[in-house]
N, C-alpha and C. Protein backbone atom coordinates (compact mmCIF):
# COMPACT_ATOMS: atom_id res chain seq x y z
N MET A 1 5.55 41.82 -6.51
CA MET A 1 4.55 41.08 -5.75
C MET A 1 3.20 41.77 -5.92
N PRO A 2 2.15 41.01 -6.30
CA PRO A 2 0.84 41.62 -6.48
C PRO A 2 0.25 42.08 -5.15
N SER A 3 -0.68 43.03 -5.20
CA SER A 3 -1.33 43.51 -3.98
C SER A 3 -2.18 42.39 -3.39
N PHE A 4 -2.43 42.49 -2.08
CA PHE A 4 -3.26 41.50 -1.40
C PHE A 4 -4.65 41.47 -2.01
N ASP A 5 -5.20 42.62 -2.38
CA ASP A 5 -6.52 42.66 -2.99
C ASP A 5 -6.56 41.90 -4.31
N SER A 6 -5.50 42.00 -5.11
CA SER A 6 -5.48 41.27 -6.39
C SER A 6 -5.30 39.77 -6.15
N VAL A 7 -4.56 39.41 -5.12
CA VAL A 7 -4.41 37.99 -4.76
C VAL A 7 -5.76 37.44 -4.32
N LEU A 8 -6.46 38.18 -3.45
CA LEU A 8 -7.76 37.74 -2.97
C LEU A 8 -8.75 37.60 -4.14
N ALA A 9 -8.74 38.53 -5.07
CA ALA A 9 -9.62 38.45 -6.24
C ALA A 9 -9.29 37.21 -7.08
N ALA A 10 -8.02 36.89 -7.23
CA ALA A 10 -7.61 35.70 -7.99
C ALA A 10 -8.09 34.43 -7.27
N TYR A 11 -7.95 34.41 -5.95
CA TYR A 11 -8.41 33.26 -5.15
C TYR A 11 -9.92 33.08 -5.31
N GLN A 12 -10.66 34.15 -5.16
CA GLN A 12 -12.12 34.07 -5.22
C GLN A 12 -12.61 33.75 -6.64
N GLY A 13 -11.82 34.10 -7.65
CA GLY A 13 -12.23 33.86 -9.03
C GLY A 13 -11.86 32.50 -9.59
N LEU A 14 -10.82 31.86 -9.03
CA LEU A 14 -10.37 30.59 -9.59
C LEU A 14 -11.47 29.53 -9.65
N PRO A 15 -12.31 29.36 -8.63
CA PRO A 15 -13.35 28.32 -8.72
C PRO A 15 -14.34 28.53 -9.87
N THR A 16 -14.49 29.74 -10.36
CA THR A 16 -15.40 29.97 -11.49
C THR A 16 -14.69 29.74 -12.82
N ARG A 17 -13.35 29.70 -12.81
CA ARG A 17 -12.59 29.53 -14.04
C ARG A 17 -12.28 28.07 -14.36
N VAL A 18 -12.48 27.16 -13.41
CA VAL A 18 -12.25 25.74 -13.64
C VAL A 18 -13.53 24.98 -13.33
N SER A 19 -13.75 23.88 -14.03
CA SER A 19 -14.99 23.12 -13.90
C SER A 19 -14.83 21.81 -13.16
N SER A 20 -13.58 21.39 -12.97
CA SER A 20 -13.36 20.13 -12.27
C SER A 20 -12.26 20.30 -11.23
N LEU A 21 -12.29 19.41 -10.27
CA LEU A 21 -11.27 19.42 -9.22
C LEU A 21 -10.52 18.10 -9.24
N MET A 22 -9.27 18.13 -8.79
CA MET A 22 -8.50 16.92 -8.58
C MET A 22 -8.86 16.43 -7.18
N LEU A 23 -9.13 15.14 -7.06
CA LEU A 23 -9.65 14.57 -5.84
C LEU A 23 -8.70 13.49 -5.33
N SER A 24 -8.22 13.66 -4.11
CA SER A 24 -7.37 12.66 -3.47
C SER A 24 -8.13 12.05 -2.30
N THR A 25 -8.21 10.73 -2.31
CA THR A 25 -8.87 10.01 -1.23
C THR A 25 -7.94 8.87 -0.79
N VAL A 26 -8.34 8.21 0.26
CA VAL A 26 -7.58 7.06 0.75
C VAL A 26 -8.57 5.98 1.17
N SER A 27 -8.22 4.74 0.90
CA SER A 27 -9.10 3.64 1.28
C SER A 27 -8.99 3.37 2.78
N GLY A 28 -9.85 2.52 3.28
CA GLY A 28 -9.79 2.13 4.68
C GLY A 28 -8.50 1.41 5.03
N GLU A 29 -7.84 0.84 4.01
CA GLU A 29 -6.56 0.15 4.22
C GLU A 29 -5.37 1.09 4.06
N GLY A 30 -5.65 2.36 3.74
CA GLY A 30 -4.57 3.34 3.60
C GLY A 30 -4.02 3.48 2.20
N THR A 31 -4.66 2.88 1.20
CA THR A 31 -4.19 3.00 -0.18
C THR A 31 -4.67 4.32 -0.77
N PRO A 32 -3.75 5.17 -1.22
CA PRO A 32 -4.15 6.46 -1.79
C PRO A 32 -4.75 6.28 -3.18
N HIS A 33 -5.62 7.20 -3.54
CA HIS A 33 -6.26 7.18 -4.86
C HIS A 33 -6.43 8.61 -5.34
N ALA A 34 -6.01 8.86 -6.57
CA ALA A 34 -6.19 10.18 -7.18
C ALA A 34 -7.20 10.07 -8.30
N SER A 35 -8.04 11.09 -8.41
CA SER A 35 -9.06 11.11 -9.45
C SER A 35 -9.43 12.57 -9.71
N TYR A 36 -10.51 12.77 -10.42
CA TYR A 36 -11.03 14.12 -10.63
C TYR A 36 -12.54 14.04 -10.68
N ALA A 37 -13.18 15.18 -10.50
CA ALA A 37 -14.63 15.23 -10.61
C ALA A 37 -15.06 16.65 -10.96
N PRO A 38 -16.02 16.79 -11.86
CA PRO A 38 -16.66 18.10 -12.03
C PRO A 38 -17.34 18.48 -10.72
N TYR A 39 -17.49 19.78 -10.49
CA TYR A 39 -18.04 20.22 -9.21
C TYR A 39 -18.88 21.48 -9.38
N VAL A 40 -19.67 21.75 -8.35
CA VAL A 40 -20.29 23.06 -8.16
C VAL A 40 -19.90 23.52 -6.76
N ILE A 41 -19.92 24.82 -6.57
CA ILE A 41 -19.51 25.41 -5.29
C ILE A 41 -20.59 26.40 -4.86
N ASP A 42 -20.86 26.46 -3.57
CA ASP A 42 -21.86 27.42 -3.10
C ASP A 42 -21.18 28.66 -2.50
N ASP A 43 -21.98 29.59 -2.04
CA ASP A 43 -21.45 30.85 -1.53
C ASP A 43 -20.60 30.69 -0.28
N SER A 44 -20.76 29.59 0.44
CA SER A 44 -19.95 29.36 1.64
C SER A 44 -18.76 28.44 1.35
N TYR A 45 -18.44 28.25 0.07
CA TYR A 45 -17.29 27.48 -0.39
C TYR A 45 -17.40 25.98 -0.09
N GLN A 46 -18.64 25.49 0.04
CA GLN A 46 -18.84 24.05 0.10
C GLN A 46 -18.81 23.55 -1.34
N LEU A 47 -18.06 22.48 -1.58
CA LEU A 47 -17.92 21.92 -2.91
C LEU A 47 -18.79 20.67 -3.00
N TYR A 48 -19.42 20.48 -4.15
CA TYR A 48 -20.28 19.31 -4.36
C TYR A 48 -19.80 18.56 -5.58
N ILE A 49 -19.71 17.24 -5.45
CA ILE A 49 -19.31 16.39 -6.57
C ILE A 49 -20.40 15.34 -6.78
N PHE A 50 -20.60 14.97 -8.04
CA PHE A 50 -21.62 14.02 -8.47
C PHE A 50 -20.84 12.79 -8.96
N THR A 51 -20.82 11.72 -8.19
CA THR A 51 -19.92 10.60 -8.49
C THR A 51 -20.66 9.27 -8.58
N SER A 52 -20.08 8.37 -9.33
CA SER A 52 -20.62 7.02 -9.47
C SER A 52 -20.24 6.18 -8.26
N GLY A 53 -21.20 5.42 -7.78
CA GLY A 53 -20.94 4.50 -6.67
C GLY A 53 -19.98 3.39 -7.05
N LEU A 54 -19.71 3.23 -8.34
CA LEU A 54 -18.79 2.20 -8.80
C LEU A 54 -17.33 2.64 -8.72
N SER A 55 -17.09 3.93 -8.51
CA SER A 55 -15.72 4.45 -8.52
C SER A 55 -15.02 4.24 -7.17
N ALA A 56 -13.71 4.11 -7.24
CA ALA A 56 -12.90 3.92 -6.02
C ALA A 56 -13.02 5.13 -5.10
N HIS A 57 -13.02 6.34 -5.69
CA HIS A 57 -13.06 7.52 -4.81
C HIS A 57 -14.39 7.61 -4.05
N THR A 58 -15.49 7.18 -4.67
CA THR A 58 -16.77 7.19 -3.95
C THR A 58 -16.73 6.23 -2.77
N GLN A 59 -16.19 5.04 -3.00
CA GLN A 59 -16.08 4.07 -1.91
C GLN A 59 -15.18 4.61 -0.80
N ASN A 60 -14.08 5.26 -1.18
CA ASN A 60 -13.17 5.83 -0.18
C ASN A 60 -13.85 6.94 0.62
N LEU A 61 -14.63 7.78 -0.05
CA LEU A 61 -15.33 8.86 0.66
C LEU A 61 -16.33 8.28 1.66
N HIS A 62 -17.02 7.23 1.28
CA HIS A 62 -17.94 6.56 2.21
C HIS A 62 -17.18 6.00 3.41
N THR A 63 -16.02 5.42 3.16
CA THR A 63 -15.26 4.74 4.21
C THR A 63 -14.61 5.71 5.18
N THR A 64 -13.96 6.76 4.64
CA THR A 64 -13.17 7.64 5.51
C THR A 64 -13.82 8.98 5.79
N GLY A 65 -14.65 9.46 4.88
CA GLY A 65 -15.25 10.78 5.04
C GLY A 65 -14.27 11.92 4.87
N LEU A 66 -13.12 11.64 4.24
CA LEU A 66 -12.07 12.66 4.09
C LEU A 66 -11.60 12.74 2.64
N ALA A 67 -11.20 13.94 2.23
CA ALA A 67 -10.64 14.15 0.89
C ALA A 67 -9.76 15.38 0.91
N SER A 68 -8.81 15.38 0.00
CA SER A 68 -8.05 16.57 -0.30
C SER A 68 -8.39 16.92 -1.74
N VAL A 69 -8.66 18.20 -2.00
CA VAL A 69 -9.00 18.61 -3.35
C VAL A 69 -8.04 19.69 -3.83
N LEU A 70 -7.86 19.71 -5.13
CA LEU A 70 -7.01 20.69 -5.79
C LEU A 70 -7.79 21.30 -6.93
N LEU A 71 -7.92 22.62 -6.89
CA LEU A 71 -8.45 23.39 -8.01
C LEU A 71 -7.24 24.08 -8.62
N ILE A 72 -7.00 23.86 -9.91
CA ILE A 72 -5.76 24.37 -10.50
C ILE A 72 -6.02 25.03 -11.85
N GLU A 73 -5.33 26.12 -12.04
CA GLU A 73 -5.41 26.89 -13.29
C GLU A 73 -5.06 26.00 -14.48
N ASP A 74 -5.76 26.17 -15.57
CA ASP A 74 -5.50 25.44 -16.81
C ASP A 74 -4.07 25.73 -17.28
N GLU A 75 -3.37 24.70 -17.69
CA GLU A 75 -1.99 24.87 -18.19
C GLU A 75 -1.93 25.87 -19.33
N ALA A 76 -2.91 25.82 -20.22
CA ALA A 76 -2.90 26.70 -21.39
C ALA A 76 -3.05 28.17 -21.00
N ALA A 77 -3.66 28.44 -19.86
CA ALA A 77 -3.86 29.82 -19.41
C ALA A 77 -2.72 30.31 -18.51
N ALA A 78 -1.88 29.40 -18.06
CA ALA A 78 -0.82 29.76 -17.11
C ALA A 78 0.34 30.47 -17.81
N VAL A 79 0.85 31.49 -17.16
CA VAL A 79 2.04 32.18 -17.67
C VAL A 79 3.25 31.26 -17.55
N GLN A 80 3.32 30.50 -16.46
CA GLN A 80 4.43 29.59 -16.19
C GLN A 80 3.84 28.30 -15.61
N VAL A 81 4.08 27.18 -16.28
CA VAL A 81 3.50 25.91 -15.85
C VAL A 81 3.95 25.51 -14.43
N PHE A 82 5.13 25.95 -14.02
CA PHE A 82 5.62 25.64 -12.67
C PHE A 82 4.96 26.51 -11.59
N ALA A 83 4.24 27.53 -12.00
CA ALA A 83 3.66 28.46 -11.02
C ALA A 83 2.17 28.67 -11.28
N ARG A 84 1.47 27.58 -11.61
CA ARG A 84 0.03 27.69 -11.86
C ARG A 84 -0.70 28.08 -10.59
N GLN A 85 -1.69 28.95 -10.71
CA GLN A 85 -2.53 29.30 -9.57
C GLN A 85 -3.28 28.04 -9.15
N ARG A 86 -3.38 27.84 -7.81
CA ARG A 86 -4.06 26.64 -7.33
C ARG A 86 -4.55 26.82 -5.90
N ILE A 87 -5.63 26.12 -5.62
CA ILE A 87 -6.20 26.08 -4.28
C ILE A 87 -6.20 24.63 -3.83
N THR A 88 -5.74 24.39 -2.63
CA THR A 88 -5.89 23.06 -2.03
C THR A 88 -6.76 23.21 -0.79
N TYR A 89 -7.66 22.26 -0.62
CA TYR A 89 -8.51 22.21 0.56
C TYR A 89 -8.45 20.82 1.17
N ASP A 90 -8.37 20.76 2.49
CA ASP A 90 -8.55 19.52 3.23
C ASP A 90 -10.02 19.49 3.64
N CYS A 91 -10.73 18.44 3.22
CA CYS A 91 -12.19 18.44 3.35
C CYS A 91 -12.71 17.24 4.14
N ARG A 92 -13.85 17.49 4.74
CA ARG A 92 -14.70 16.41 5.25
C ARG A 92 -15.75 16.17 4.19
N ALA A 93 -16.06 14.90 3.96
CA ALA A 93 -17.03 14.54 2.93
C ALA A 93 -18.28 13.95 3.56
N GLU A 94 -19.42 14.43 3.07
CA GLU A 94 -20.70 13.93 3.56
C GLU A 94 -21.64 13.71 2.38
N ILE A 95 -22.29 12.57 2.37
CA ILE A 95 -23.23 12.26 1.29
C ILE A 95 -24.52 13.05 1.49
N LEU A 96 -25.07 13.55 0.38
CA LEU A 96 -26.40 14.16 0.43
C LEU A 96 -27.40 13.05 0.14
N PRO A 97 -28.38 12.84 1.01
CA PRO A 97 -29.36 11.78 0.75
C PRO A 97 -30.17 12.07 -0.52
N ARG A 98 -30.22 11.08 -1.39
CA ARG A 98 -30.97 11.19 -2.65
C ARG A 98 -32.44 11.43 -2.35
N GLY A 99 -33.07 12.27 -3.17
CA GLY A 99 -34.49 12.52 -3.03
C GLY A 99 -34.84 13.65 -2.06
N THR A 100 -33.84 14.20 -1.39
CA THR A 100 -34.10 15.31 -0.47
C THR A 100 -34.07 16.63 -1.25
N ALA A 101 -34.60 17.67 -0.64
CA ALA A 101 -34.58 19.00 -1.27
C ALA A 101 -33.14 19.45 -1.51
N ALA A 102 -32.24 19.14 -0.57
CA ALA A 102 -30.83 19.53 -0.74
C ALA A 102 -30.23 18.83 -1.96
N TRP A 103 -30.47 17.53 -2.11
CA TRP A 103 -29.95 16.77 -3.24
C TRP A 103 -30.49 17.33 -4.55
N GLU A 104 -31.78 17.56 -4.60
CA GLU A 104 -32.41 18.08 -5.83
C GLU A 104 -31.86 19.47 -6.18
N GLY A 105 -31.68 20.31 -5.17
CA GLY A 105 -31.15 21.65 -5.42
C GLY A 105 -29.74 21.62 -5.98
N VAL A 106 -28.89 20.77 -5.43
CA VAL A 106 -27.52 20.66 -5.94
C VAL A 106 -27.52 20.03 -7.33
N ALA A 107 -28.35 19.00 -7.54
CA ALA A 107 -28.44 18.38 -8.87
C ALA A 107 -28.89 19.41 -9.91
N ASP A 108 -29.81 20.29 -9.54
CA ASP A 108 -30.24 21.36 -10.45
C ASP A 108 -29.06 22.28 -10.79
N ARG A 109 -28.23 22.58 -9.80
CA ARG A 109 -27.06 23.44 -10.05
C ARG A 109 -26.08 22.74 -11.00
N PHE A 110 -25.91 21.42 -10.84
CA PHE A 110 -25.08 20.67 -11.79
C PHE A 110 -25.65 20.76 -13.20
N GLU A 111 -26.96 20.63 -13.32
CA GLU A 111 -27.58 20.68 -14.63
C GLU A 111 -27.42 22.06 -15.26
N GLN A 112 -27.53 23.12 -14.46
CA GLN A 112 -27.32 24.47 -14.97
C GLN A 112 -25.89 24.65 -15.45
N ARG A 113 -24.92 24.10 -14.73
CA ARG A 113 -23.51 24.31 -15.07
C ARG A 113 -23.04 23.38 -16.19
N PHE A 114 -23.52 22.13 -16.21
CA PHE A 114 -22.95 21.14 -17.12
C PHE A 114 -23.90 20.63 -18.20
N GLY A 115 -25.16 21.04 -18.14
CA GLY A 115 -26.07 20.72 -19.23
C GLY A 115 -26.74 19.36 -19.17
N GLU A 116 -27.10 18.88 -20.36
CA GLU A 116 -27.96 17.72 -20.52
C GLU A 116 -27.43 16.43 -19.92
N ILE A 117 -26.14 16.25 -19.85
CA ILE A 117 -25.57 15.01 -19.31
C ILE A 117 -26.07 14.74 -17.90
N ILE A 118 -26.36 15.79 -17.15
CA ILE A 118 -26.78 15.63 -15.75
C ILE A 118 -28.15 14.97 -15.66
N ALA A 119 -29.06 15.24 -16.58
CA ALA A 119 -30.37 14.59 -16.57
C ALA A 119 -30.19 13.07 -16.65
N MET A 120 -29.27 12.61 -17.47
CA MET A 120 -28.99 11.18 -17.57
C MET A 120 -28.37 10.65 -16.28
N LEU A 121 -27.40 11.39 -15.72
CA LEU A 121 -26.75 10.93 -14.48
C LEU A 121 -27.75 10.89 -13.32
N ARG A 122 -28.67 11.83 -13.30
CA ARG A 122 -29.69 11.85 -12.24
C ARG A 122 -30.53 10.58 -12.26
N SER A 123 -30.71 10.02 -13.44
CA SER A 123 -31.54 8.83 -13.58
C SER A 123 -30.82 7.55 -13.17
N LEU A 124 -29.52 7.61 -13.00
CA LEU A 124 -28.73 6.43 -12.62
C LEU A 124 -28.65 6.33 -11.10
N ASP A 125 -29.17 5.24 -10.56
CA ASP A 125 -29.27 5.09 -9.11
C ASP A 125 -27.93 5.07 -8.40
N ASP A 126 -26.85 4.68 -9.10
CA ASP A 126 -25.56 4.60 -8.41
C ASP A 126 -24.88 5.96 -8.27
N PHE A 127 -25.38 7.01 -8.96
CA PHE A 127 -24.74 8.32 -8.85
C PHE A 127 -25.17 9.02 -7.57
N GLN A 128 -24.18 9.57 -6.89
CA GLN A 128 -24.37 10.16 -5.57
C GLN A 128 -23.76 11.55 -5.54
N ILE A 129 -24.29 12.39 -4.68
CA ILE A 129 -23.73 13.73 -4.50
C ILE A 129 -23.11 13.81 -3.11
N PHE A 130 -21.84 14.22 -3.10
CA PHE A 130 -21.13 14.46 -1.84
C PHE A 130 -20.93 15.95 -1.66
N CYS A 131 -21.04 16.40 -0.42
CA CYS A 131 -20.64 17.75 -0.05
C CYS A 131 -19.25 17.64 0.56
N LEU A 132 -18.30 18.36 -0.02
CA LEU A 132 -16.94 18.42 0.51
C LEU A 132 -16.80 19.75 1.24
N SER A 133 -16.64 19.67 2.55
CA SER A 133 -16.57 20.87 3.40
C SER A 133 -15.12 21.16 3.75
N PRO A 134 -14.55 22.22 3.17
CA PRO A 134 -13.16 22.55 3.49
C PRO A 134 -12.98 22.88 4.98
N GLN A 135 -11.92 22.33 5.55
CA GLN A 135 -11.57 22.58 6.95
C GLN A 135 -10.37 23.51 7.05
N GLY A 136 -9.74 23.74 5.94
CA GLY A 136 -8.56 24.61 5.84
C GLY A 136 -7.99 24.45 4.46
N GLY A 137 -7.03 25.28 4.12
CA GLY A 137 -6.44 25.16 2.80
C GLY A 137 -5.41 26.22 2.52
N ARG A 138 -5.02 26.27 1.25
CA ARG A 138 -3.98 27.20 0.82
C ARG A 138 -4.23 27.60 -0.62
N PHE A 139 -3.94 28.86 -0.92
CA PHE A 139 -3.99 29.37 -2.28
C PHE A 139 -2.58 29.75 -2.68
N VAL A 140 -2.13 29.24 -3.82
CA VAL A 140 -0.82 29.59 -4.36
C VAL A 140 -1.05 30.45 -5.59
N MET A 141 -0.58 31.69 -5.50
CA MET A 141 -0.72 32.66 -6.59
C MET A 141 0.39 32.47 -7.62
N GLY A 142 1.55 32.02 -7.15
CA GLY A 142 2.73 31.83 -8.00
C GLY A 142 3.93 31.62 -7.13
N PHE A 143 5.11 31.75 -7.70
CA PHE A 143 6.35 31.56 -6.94
C PHE A 143 6.39 32.49 -5.72
N GLY A 144 6.65 31.92 -4.55
CA GLY A 144 6.80 32.72 -3.33
C GLY A 144 5.54 33.41 -2.87
N ALA A 145 4.38 32.97 -3.36
CA ALA A 145 3.12 33.64 -3.02
C ALA A 145 2.06 32.61 -2.65
N ALA A 146 2.22 32.00 -1.47
CA ALA A 146 1.26 31.03 -0.95
C ALA A 146 0.56 31.65 0.26
N TYR A 147 -0.75 31.56 0.27
CA TYR A 147 -1.55 32.19 1.32
C TYR A 147 -2.43 31.14 1.98
N ALA A 148 -2.55 31.21 3.29
CA ALA A 148 -3.46 30.35 4.01
C ALA A 148 -4.89 30.81 3.76
N VAL A 149 -5.79 29.84 3.62
CA VAL A 149 -7.21 30.13 3.54
C VAL A 149 -7.72 30.27 4.97
N ASP A 150 -8.52 31.30 5.21
CA ASP A 150 -9.10 31.52 6.53
C ASP A 150 -10.14 30.42 6.79
N ALA A 151 -9.85 29.50 7.70
CA ALA A 151 -10.74 28.37 7.97
C ALA A 151 -12.08 28.81 8.56
N GLN A 152 -12.12 30.00 9.14
CA GLN A 152 -13.37 30.52 9.72
C GLN A 152 -14.23 31.25 8.69
N ASN A 153 -13.60 31.71 7.59
CA ASN A 153 -14.30 32.40 6.52
C ASN A 153 -13.60 32.03 5.22
N LEU A 154 -14.07 30.96 4.59
CA LEU A 154 -13.37 30.37 3.45
C LEU A 154 -13.28 31.28 2.23
N SER A 155 -14.00 32.39 2.23
CA SER A 155 -13.90 33.33 1.11
C SER A 155 -12.69 34.26 1.27
N GLN A 156 -11.99 34.14 2.40
CA GLN A 156 -10.89 35.06 2.71
C GLN A 156 -9.56 34.31 2.83
N LEU A 157 -8.49 35.07 2.64
CA LEU A 157 -7.13 34.56 2.83
C LEU A 157 -6.50 35.25 4.02
N VAL A 158 -5.47 34.62 4.55
CA VAL A 158 -4.70 35.20 5.63
C VAL A 158 -3.36 35.63 5.04
N GLY A 159 -3.02 36.89 5.20
CA GLY A 159 -1.73 37.39 4.68
C GLY A 159 -0.78 37.60 5.81
N PRO A 160 0.46 37.87 5.58
CA PRO A 160 1.17 37.94 4.30
C PRO A 160 1.45 36.54 3.76
N PRO A 161 2.08 36.44 2.58
CA PRO A 161 2.36 35.12 2.01
C PRO A 161 3.20 34.28 2.96
N GLN A 162 2.96 32.98 2.91
CA GLN A 162 3.76 32.03 3.70
C GLN A 162 5.05 31.77 2.93
N THR A 163 6.13 31.63 3.66
CA THR A 163 7.41 31.35 3.02
C THR A 163 8.14 30.26 3.78
N GLY A 164 9.10 29.62 3.12
CA GLY A 164 9.96 28.64 3.77
C GLY A 164 9.19 27.54 4.46
N VAL A 165 9.59 27.22 5.69
CA VAL A 165 8.99 26.15 6.46
C VAL A 165 7.52 26.40 6.70
N GLU A 166 7.12 27.66 6.79
CA GLU A 166 5.72 28.01 7.02
C GLU A 166 4.86 27.76 5.78
N ASN A 167 5.48 27.48 4.64
CA ASN A 167 4.77 27.33 3.38
C ASN A 167 4.14 25.94 3.28
N ALA A 168 3.30 25.63 4.24
CA ALA A 168 2.56 24.36 4.26
C ALA A 168 1.11 24.70 4.52
N ALA A 169 0.26 23.80 4.12
CA ALA A 169 -1.19 24.02 4.31
C ALA A 169 -1.46 24.22 5.79
N VAL A 170 -2.29 25.19 6.11
CA VAL A 170 -2.66 25.46 7.48
C VAL A 170 -3.66 24.42 7.93
N GLN A 171 -3.39 23.78 9.04
CA GLN A 171 -4.26 22.75 9.56
C GLN A 171 -5.31 23.38 10.47
N PRO A 172 -6.55 22.86 10.37
CA PRO A 172 -7.57 23.40 11.26
C PRO A 172 -7.23 23.09 12.71
N GLN A 173 -7.57 24.00 13.58
CA GLN A 173 -7.30 23.81 15.00
C GLN A 173 -8.47 23.11 15.65
N ALA A 174 -8.16 22.20 16.56
CA ALA A 174 -9.21 21.47 17.27
C ALA A 174 -10.06 22.45 18.05
N GLY A 175 -11.37 22.24 18.00
CA GLY A 175 -12.30 23.17 18.57
C GLY A 175 -12.38 23.11 20.02
């Protein structure tokens, strides 16, 4: 079993090793939808996605304001495909108003990370930026090594590893 410090380093490093997240949303009628989106992340672990207003997941985010996201290690880099490192977050989604300093700042970060394609997307009126705010989550290092994400400090994990029935995503507690 790896040390807690090495697990924490792997958790904190995974978002820089992957460029897109798997996005799960649900429609107002309860129909689930899976998709993906490139993202940027800030120092407080807020995730930002740049999405087309024509997509089902964008409509779902507007309707429900909720998403589940998965950041997962590349299969080619994984020692064992059944034990890929992964982070799941249960998120609240909020649109950033276009034309604001916040929107421009995040769009600039997308352009720095993903290059010229972002200049074109910025010019398309239907593209929107959502902030996905994690409310809780879990990091899986491998077999038998699942850790709760500290909902009060998203850069940290809660140890020891969760096992058995406890091996479920930690739900945020009502305030």
